[in-house]
N, C-alpha and C. Protein backbone atom coordinates (compact mmCIF):
# COMPACT_ATOMS: atom_id res chain seq x y z
N UNK A 1 -14.06 12.42 22.46
CA UNK A 1 -14.48 11.37 21.54
C UNK A 1 -15.02 10.21 22.37
N UNK A 2 -16.20 9.73 22.01
CA UNK A 2 -16.76 8.60 22.75
C UNK A 2 -16.31 7.28 22.14
N UNK A 3 -16.66 6.18 22.80
CA UNK A 3 -16.19 4.85 22.38
C UNK A 3 -16.67 4.49 20.98
N UNK A 4 -17.92 4.78 20.66
CA UNK A 4 -18.44 4.47 19.32
C UNK A 4 -17.69 5.24 18.25
N UNK A 5 -17.43 6.51 18.52
CA UNK A 5 -16.69 7.32 17.55
C UNK A 5 -15.26 6.79 17.38
N UNK A 6 -14.65 6.37 18.49
CA UNK A 6 -13.29 5.84 18.39
C UNK A 6 -13.28 4.51 17.65
N UNK A 7 -14.28 3.68 17.87
CA UNK A 7 -14.38 2.41 17.15
C UNK A 7 -14.49 2.64 15.65
N UNK A 8 -15.28 3.62 15.27
CA UNK A 8 -15.41 3.97 13.86
C UNK A 8 -14.09 4.50 13.32
N UNK A 9 -13.41 5.32 14.11
CA UNK A 9 -12.10 5.83 13.71
C UNK A 9 -11.11 4.69 13.49
N UNK A 10 -11.11 3.72 14.41
CA UNK A 10 -10.21 2.56 14.26
C UNK A 10 -10.46 1.84 12.95
N UNK A 11 -11.71 1.61 12.61
CA UNK A 11 -12.04 0.96 11.34
C UNK A 11 -11.50 1.77 10.16
N UNK A 12 -11.71 3.09 10.20
CA UNK A 12 -11.22 3.95 9.13
C UNK A 12 -9.70 3.90 9.03
N UNK A 13 -9.03 3.92 10.19
CA UNK A 13 -7.56 3.88 10.20
C UNK A 13 -7.06 2.57 9.59
N UNK A 14 -7.62 1.45 10.04
CA UNK A 14 -7.11 0.17 9.54
C UNK A 14 -7.49 -0.09 8.09
N UNK A 15 -8.59 0.48 7.63
CA UNK A 15 -8.89 0.41 6.19
C UNK A 15 -7.84 1.19 5.40
N UNK A 16 -7.45 2.35 5.93
CA UNK A 16 -6.40 3.14 5.29
C UNK A 16 -5.05 2.41 5.33
N UNK A 17 -4.76 1.77 6.45
CA UNK A 17 -3.52 0.99 6.57
C UNK A 17 -3.49 -0.10 5.50
N UNK A 18 -4.60 -0.82 5.33
CA UNK A 18 -4.67 -1.89 4.31
C UNK A 18 -4.45 -1.31 2.91
N UNK A 19 -5.09 -0.17 2.63
CA UNK A 19 -4.97 0.46 1.32
C UNK A 19 -3.52 0.88 1.06
N UNK A 20 -2.90 1.53 2.04
CA UNK A 20 -1.51 2.00 1.89
C UNK A 20 -0.56 0.81 1.76
N UNK A 21 -0.80 -0.25 2.52
CA UNK A 21 0.05 -1.44 2.45
C UNK A 21 0.01 -2.05 1.06
N UNK A 22 -1.19 -2.17 0.50
CA UNK A 22 -1.33 -2.74 -0.84
C UNK A 22 -0.63 -1.88 -1.88
N UNK A 23 -0.82 -0.57 -1.79
CA UNK A 23 -0.17 0.35 -2.73
C UNK A 23 1.35 0.29 -2.56
N UNK A 24 1.82 0.22 -1.32
CA UNK A 24 3.25 0.16 -1.06
C UNK A 24 3.89 -1.10 -1.61
N UNK A 25 3.18 -2.22 -1.53
CA UNK A 25 3.70 -3.47 -2.07
C UNK A 25 3.97 -3.33 -3.57
N UNK A 26 3.04 -2.73 -4.27
CA UNK A 26 3.20 -2.55 -5.71
C UNK A 26 4.30 -1.54 -6.03
N UNK A 27 4.33 -0.44 -5.28
CA UNK A 27 5.25 0.64 -5.59
C UNK A 27 6.68 0.34 -5.18
N UNK A 28 6.87 -0.30 -4.03
CA UNK A 28 8.22 -0.47 -3.48
C UNK A 28 8.78 -1.88 -3.59
N UNK A 29 8.00 -2.88 -3.19
CA UNK A 29 8.54 -4.23 -3.15
C UNK A 29 8.71 -4.82 -4.54
N UNK A 30 7.77 -4.54 -5.44
CA UNK A 30 7.80 -5.06 -6.81
C UNK A 30 7.82 -6.58 -6.84
N UNK A 31 7.32 -7.24 -5.81
CA UNK A 31 7.41 -8.69 -5.72
C UNK A 31 6.27 -9.19 -4.82
N UNK A 32 5.25 -9.81 -5.43
CA UNK A 32 4.12 -10.28 -4.63
C UNK A 32 4.50 -11.41 -3.68
N UNK A 33 5.60 -12.10 -3.97
CA UNK A 33 6.02 -13.22 -3.14
C UNK A 33 6.95 -12.81 -2.01
N UNK A 34 7.36 -11.54 -1.96
CA UNK A 34 8.27 -11.09 -0.92
C UNK A 34 7.91 -9.66 -0.50
N UNK A 35 7.18 -9.56 0.59
CA UNK A 35 6.77 -8.25 1.10
C UNK A 35 7.95 -7.39 1.54
N UNK A 36 9.09 -8.01 1.76
CA UNK A 36 10.24 -7.30 2.30
C UNK A 36 11.31 -7.01 1.24
N UNK A 37 10.98 -7.21 -0.03
CA UNK A 37 11.99 -7.13 -1.11
C UNK A 37 12.72 -5.79 -1.13
N UNK A 38 12.00 -4.69 -0.98
CA UNK A 38 12.68 -3.38 -1.05
C UNK A 38 13.63 -3.19 0.13
N UNK A 39 13.25 -3.65 1.32
CA UNK A 39 14.13 -3.53 2.48
C UNK A 39 15.38 -4.39 2.29
N UNK A 40 15.20 -5.56 1.70
CA UNK A 40 16.34 -6.46 1.46
C UNK A 40 17.26 -5.91 0.37
N UNK A 41 16.68 -5.35 -0.71
CA UNK A 41 17.52 -4.76 -1.76
C UNK A 41 18.38 -3.63 -1.20
N UNK A 42 17.75 -2.72 -0.48
CA UNK A 42 18.49 -1.58 0.06
C UNK A 42 19.46 -2.04 1.14
N UNK A 43 19.07 -3.01 1.94
CA UNK A 43 19.97 -3.57 2.94
C UNK A 43 21.22 -4.16 2.32
N UNK A 44 21.05 -4.86 1.19
CA UNK A 44 22.21 -5.43 0.50
C UNK A 44 23.15 -4.33 -0.01
N UNK A 45 22.58 -3.26 -0.52
CA UNK A 45 23.40 -2.14 -1.01
C UNK A 45 24.14 -1.48 0.16
N UNK A 46 23.46 -1.30 1.28
CA UNK A 46 24.03 -0.58 2.42
C UNK A 46 24.81 -1.48 3.38
N UNK A 47 24.70 -2.79 3.22
CA UNK A 47 25.35 -3.69 4.17
C UNK A 47 24.66 -3.71 5.51
N UNK A 48 23.33 -3.52 5.49
CA UNK A 48 22.53 -3.50 6.71
C UNK A 48 21.42 -4.54 6.61
N UNK A 49 20.84 -4.88 7.75
CA UNK A 49 19.73 -5.83 7.74
C UNK A 49 18.46 -5.16 7.24
N UNK A 50 17.53 -5.95 6.79
CA UNK A 50 16.25 -5.40 6.35
C UNK A 50 15.54 -4.69 7.50
N UNK A 51 15.73 -5.20 8.71
CA UNK A 51 15.13 -4.57 9.88
C UNK A 51 15.72 -3.18 10.14
N UNK A 52 17.02 -3.04 9.93
CA UNK A 52 17.66 -1.74 10.12
C UNK A 52 17.17 -0.73 9.08
N UNK A 53 16.97 -1.19 7.86
CA UNK A 53 16.43 -0.31 6.81
C UNK A 53 15.02 0.11 7.18
N UNK A 54 14.19 -0.83 7.59
CA UNK A 54 12.82 -0.52 7.99
C UNK A 54 12.82 0.51 9.12
N UNK A 55 13.69 0.33 10.10
CA UNK A 55 13.74 1.26 11.23
C UNK A 55 14.13 2.67 10.79
N UNK A 56 14.98 2.78 9.79
CA UNK A 56 15.35 4.10 9.27
C UNK A 56 14.12 4.80 8.71
N UNK A 57 13.33 4.08 7.93
CA UNK A 57 12.10 4.66 7.38
C UNK A 57 11.12 5.01 8.49
N UNK A 58 10.96 4.12 9.44
CA UNK A 58 10.04 4.34 10.55
C UNK A 58 10.45 5.56 11.37
N UNK A 59 11.73 5.67 11.65
CA UNK A 59 12.23 6.79 12.46
C UNK A 59 12.07 8.13 11.74
N UNK A 60 12.13 8.12 10.42
CA UNK A 60 11.88 9.35 9.66
C UNK A 60 10.48 9.86 9.97
N UNK A 61 9.51 8.96 10.03
CA UNK A 61 8.14 9.36 10.33
C UNK A 61 7.97 9.75 11.80
N UNK A 62 8.65 9.06 12.67
CA UNK A 62 8.60 9.43 14.10
C UNK A 62 9.17 10.84 14.27
N UNK A 63 10.25 11.15 13.56
CA UNK A 63 10.83 12.48 13.63
C UNK A 63 9.82 13.54 13.17
N UNK A 64 9.10 13.25 12.10
CA UNK A 64 8.06 14.17 11.63
C UNK A 64 6.94 14.34 12.63
N UNK A 65 6.55 13.24 13.28
CA UNK A 65 5.50 13.31 14.31
C UNK A 65 6.00 14.12 15.51
N UNK A 66 7.26 13.94 15.87
CA UNK A 66 7.82 14.73 16.98
C UNK A 66 7.77 16.22 16.65
N UNK A 67 8.08 16.58 15.42
CA UNK A 67 8.00 17.99 15.01
C UNK A 67 6.57 18.49 15.12
N UNK A 68 5.62 17.66 14.70
CA UNK A 68 4.20 18.03 14.80
C UNK A 68 3.80 18.26 16.25
N UNK A 69 4.18 17.34 17.12
CA UNK A 69 3.83 17.45 18.54
C UNK A 69 4.46 18.70 19.15
N UNK A 70 5.63 19.07 18.67
CA UNK A 70 6.32 20.25 19.20
C UNK A 70 5.83 21.55 18.56
N UNK A 71 4.78 21.46 17.74
CA UNK A 71 4.15 22.66 17.23
C UNK A 71 4.35 22.97 15.76
N UNK A 72 5.18 22.21 15.07
CA UNK A 72 5.42 22.45 13.64
C UNK A 72 4.31 21.75 12.84
N UNK A 73 3.18 22.44 12.67
CA UNK A 73 2.00 21.82 12.06
C UNK A 73 2.05 21.83 10.53
N UNK A 74 2.79 22.73 9.94
CA UNK A 74 2.86 22.85 8.49
C UNK A 74 4.02 22.00 7.98
N UNK A 75 3.68 20.78 7.57
CA UNK A 75 4.69 19.86 7.05
C UNK A 75 4.26 19.37 5.68
N UNK A 76 5.19 18.83 4.94
CA UNK A 76 4.91 18.32 3.60
C UNK A 76 3.90 17.18 3.65
N UNK A 77 3.97 16.35 4.69
CA UNK A 77 3.05 15.21 4.84
C UNK A 77 2.23 15.40 6.11
N UNK A 78 0.93 15.17 5.99
CA UNK A 78 0.03 15.26 7.13
C UNK A 78 0.45 14.25 8.20
N UNK A 79 0.29 14.62 9.46
CA UNK A 79 0.69 13.75 10.56
C UNK A 79 -0.06 12.42 10.51
N UNK A 80 -1.30 12.44 10.06
CA UNK A 80 -2.08 11.20 9.98
C UNK A 80 -1.48 10.22 8.97
N UNK A 81 -0.95 10.76 7.89
CA UNK A 81 -0.27 9.91 6.91
C UNK A 81 0.97 9.26 7.49
N UNK A 82 1.69 10.01 8.29
CA UNK A 82 2.87 9.46 8.95
C UNK A 82 2.48 8.36 9.94
N UNK A 83 1.37 8.57 10.65
CA UNK A 83 0.90 7.56 11.61
C UNK A 83 0.53 6.28 10.87
N UNK A 84 -0.18 6.41 9.76
CA UNK A 84 -0.54 5.23 8.97
C UNK A 84 0.72 4.51 8.50
N UNK A 85 1.69 5.25 8.00
CA UNK A 85 2.94 4.63 7.54
C UNK A 85 3.64 3.88 8.67
N UNK A 86 3.65 4.46 9.85
CA UNK A 86 4.28 3.80 11.00
C UNK A 86 3.57 2.49 11.31
N UNK A 87 2.25 2.50 11.27
CA UNK A 87 1.50 1.26 11.53
C UNK A 87 1.88 0.20 10.49
N UNK A 88 1.96 0.61 9.23
CA UNK A 88 2.35 -0.33 8.17
C UNK A 88 3.75 -0.87 8.44
N UNK A 89 4.69 0.01 8.76
CA UNK A 89 6.06 -0.44 9.04
C UNK A 89 6.09 -1.42 10.21
N UNK A 90 5.31 -1.16 11.23
CA UNK A 90 5.31 -2.06 12.39
C UNK A 90 4.72 -3.42 12.04
N UNK A 91 3.71 -3.46 11.16
CA UNK A 91 3.19 -4.77 10.74
C UNK A 91 4.23 -5.52 9.91
N UNK A 92 4.99 -4.78 9.12
CA UNK A 92 6.06 -5.42 8.35
C UNK A 92 7.16 -5.95 9.28
N UNK A 93 7.51 -5.17 10.29
CA UNK A 93 8.52 -5.61 11.25
C UNK A 93 8.04 -6.86 11.99
N UNK A 94 6.75 -6.89 12.33
CA UNK A 94 6.17 -8.08 12.96
C UNK A 94 6.37 -9.29 12.04
N UNK A 95 6.06 -9.11 10.76
CA UNK A 95 6.23 -10.20 9.80
C UNK A 95 7.68 -10.64 9.68
N UNK A 96 8.60 -9.70 9.70
CA UNK A 96 10.03 -10.05 9.66
C UNK A 96 10.42 -10.87 10.89
N UNK A 97 9.94 -10.44 12.06
CA UNK A 97 10.25 -11.17 13.29
C UNK A 97 9.69 -12.58 13.24
N UNK A 98 8.45 -12.72 12.77
CA UNK A 98 7.86 -14.05 12.63
C UNK A 98 8.66 -14.91 11.67
N UNK A 99 9.01 -14.33 10.51
CA UNK A 99 9.75 -15.09 9.50
C UNK A 99 11.12 -15.50 10.02
N UNK A 100 11.81 -14.60 10.70
CA UNK A 100 13.12 -14.93 11.25
C UNK A 100 13.02 -16.05 12.28
N UNK A 101 11.96 -16.03 13.06
CA UNK A 101 11.79 -17.03 14.11
C UNK A 101 11.55 -18.43 13.57
N UNK A 102 10.85 -18.55 12.45
CA UNK A 102 10.51 -19.89 11.95
C UNK A 102 11.45 -20.41 10.88
N UNK A 103 12.34 -19.57 10.38
CA UNK A 103 13.25 -20.04 9.32
C UNK A 103 14.06 -21.22 9.81
N UNK A 104 13.98 -22.29 9.06
CA UNK A 104 14.78 -23.46 9.36
C UNK A 104 14.30 -24.31 10.52
N UNK A 105 13.19 -23.99 11.14
CA UNK A 105 12.71 -24.80 12.27
C UNK A 105 12.29 -26.17 11.79
N UNK A 106 11.49 -26.23 10.74
CA UNK A 106 11.01 -27.51 10.22
C UNK A 106 11.16 -27.49 8.70
N UNK A 107 12.17 -28.18 8.21
CA UNK A 107 12.48 -28.17 6.78
C UNK A 107 11.35 -28.74 5.93
N UNK A 108 10.49 -29.61 6.51
CA UNK A 108 9.43 -30.25 5.74
C UNK A 108 8.16 -29.41 5.65
N UNK A 109 8.10 -28.32 6.39
CA UNK A 109 6.92 -27.46 6.39
C UNK A 109 7.32 -26.09 5.85
N UNK A 110 6.51 -25.56 4.93
CA UNK A 110 6.84 -24.27 4.34
C UNK A 110 6.84 -23.18 5.41
N UNK A 111 7.62 -22.15 5.14
CA UNK A 111 7.68 -21.01 6.07
C UNK A 111 6.31 -20.38 6.24
N UNK A 112 5.54 -20.31 5.14
CA UNK A 112 4.21 -19.72 5.21
C UNK A 112 3.31 -20.53 6.14
N UNK A 113 3.37 -21.85 6.05
CA UNK A 113 2.55 -22.70 6.92
C UNK A 113 2.98 -22.55 8.37
N UNK A 114 4.29 -22.46 8.60
CA UNK A 114 4.77 -22.28 9.97
C UNK A 114 4.32 -20.94 10.53
N UNK A 115 4.41 -19.89 9.72
CA UNK A 115 3.97 -18.57 10.17
C UNK A 115 2.48 -18.57 10.47
N UNK A 116 1.71 -19.18 9.58
CA UNK A 116 0.27 -19.19 9.76
C UNK A 116 -0.11 -19.91 11.04
N UNK A 117 0.48 -21.08 11.27
CA UNK A 117 0.12 -21.82 12.48
C UNK A 117 0.65 -21.11 13.72
N UNK A 118 1.83 -20.51 13.65
CA UNK A 118 2.37 -19.79 14.80
C UNK A 118 1.48 -18.61 15.13
N UNK A 119 1.11 -17.87 14.11
CA UNK A 119 0.29 -16.68 14.32
C UNK A 119 -1.03 -17.05 14.97
N UNK A 120 -1.70 -18.06 14.45
CA UNK A 120 -3.01 -18.42 14.96
C UNK A 120 -2.92 -19.07 16.34
N UNK A 121 -1.86 -19.79 16.60
CA UNK A 121 -1.76 -20.51 17.88
C UNK A 121 -1.30 -19.62 19.02
N UNK A 122 -0.43 -18.65 18.75
CA UNK A 122 0.19 -17.91 19.85
C UNK A 122 -0.28 -16.48 20.03
N UNK A 123 -0.82 -15.86 19.00
CA UNK A 123 -1.21 -14.46 19.13
C UNK A 123 -2.45 -14.35 20.00
N UNK A 124 -2.40 -13.47 20.93
CA UNK A 124 -3.54 -13.18 21.77
C UNK A 124 -4.08 -11.81 21.39
N UNK A 125 -5.37 -11.75 21.19
CA UNK A 125 -6.01 -10.49 20.86
C UNK A 125 -6.06 -9.58 22.08
N UNK A 126 -6.48 -8.36 21.86
CA UNK A 126 -6.51 -7.34 22.90
C UNK A 126 -7.19 -7.81 24.19
N UNK A 127 -8.42 -8.35 24.15
CA UNK A 127 -9.06 -8.73 25.41
C UNK A 127 -8.26 -9.80 26.18
N UNK A 128 -7.66 -10.75 25.46
CA UNK A 128 -6.91 -11.82 26.12
C UNK A 128 -5.63 -11.31 26.78
N UNK A 129 -4.99 -10.31 26.18
CA UNK A 129 -3.74 -9.79 26.74
C UNK A 129 -3.98 -9.07 28.05
N UNK A 130 -5.14 -8.50 28.20
CA UNK A 130 -5.42 -7.73 29.41
C UNK A 130 -6.27 -8.49 30.41
N UNK A 131 -6.60 -9.74 30.09
CA UNK A 131 -7.38 -10.55 31.02
C UNK A 131 -6.45 -11.04 32.13
N UNK A 132 -6.69 -10.62 33.33
CA UNK A 132 -5.83 -10.96 34.47
C UNK A 132 -6.45 -12.02 35.36
N UNK A 133 -7.54 -12.62 34.91
CA UNK A 133 -8.22 -13.61 35.76
C UNK A 133 -7.65 -15.01 35.65
N UNK A 134 -6.63 -15.24 34.84
CA UNK A 134 -6.06 -16.58 34.68
C UNK A 134 -5.31 -17.04 35.90
């Protein structure tokens, strides 16, 4: 696969991730104001953190991918679907980490505003992370 083909693949993957994330919000969270509602509901029932619940779901897909890599190609869910789900779960975990970090830092500023400014101020994109000329 050449670079142009991989770039096109990346666009297709992330478009699928966005589509699955939107569908998952409607199907599982049932709450437009709380992306983590389903993890919190199940966490409350199980006495576990929302992050632990998310990891259980994520590990289920990793287990399926491990089976695929070990040669079990005939599975109920295509490996690509599992990969997309894992990417979605990791973006949700990122959001949980951001939210946990800013909770209670500044009572006068909304959590959303704190997350937005933190994300824009501190996140480095791919080229910046690998730039070693600093």
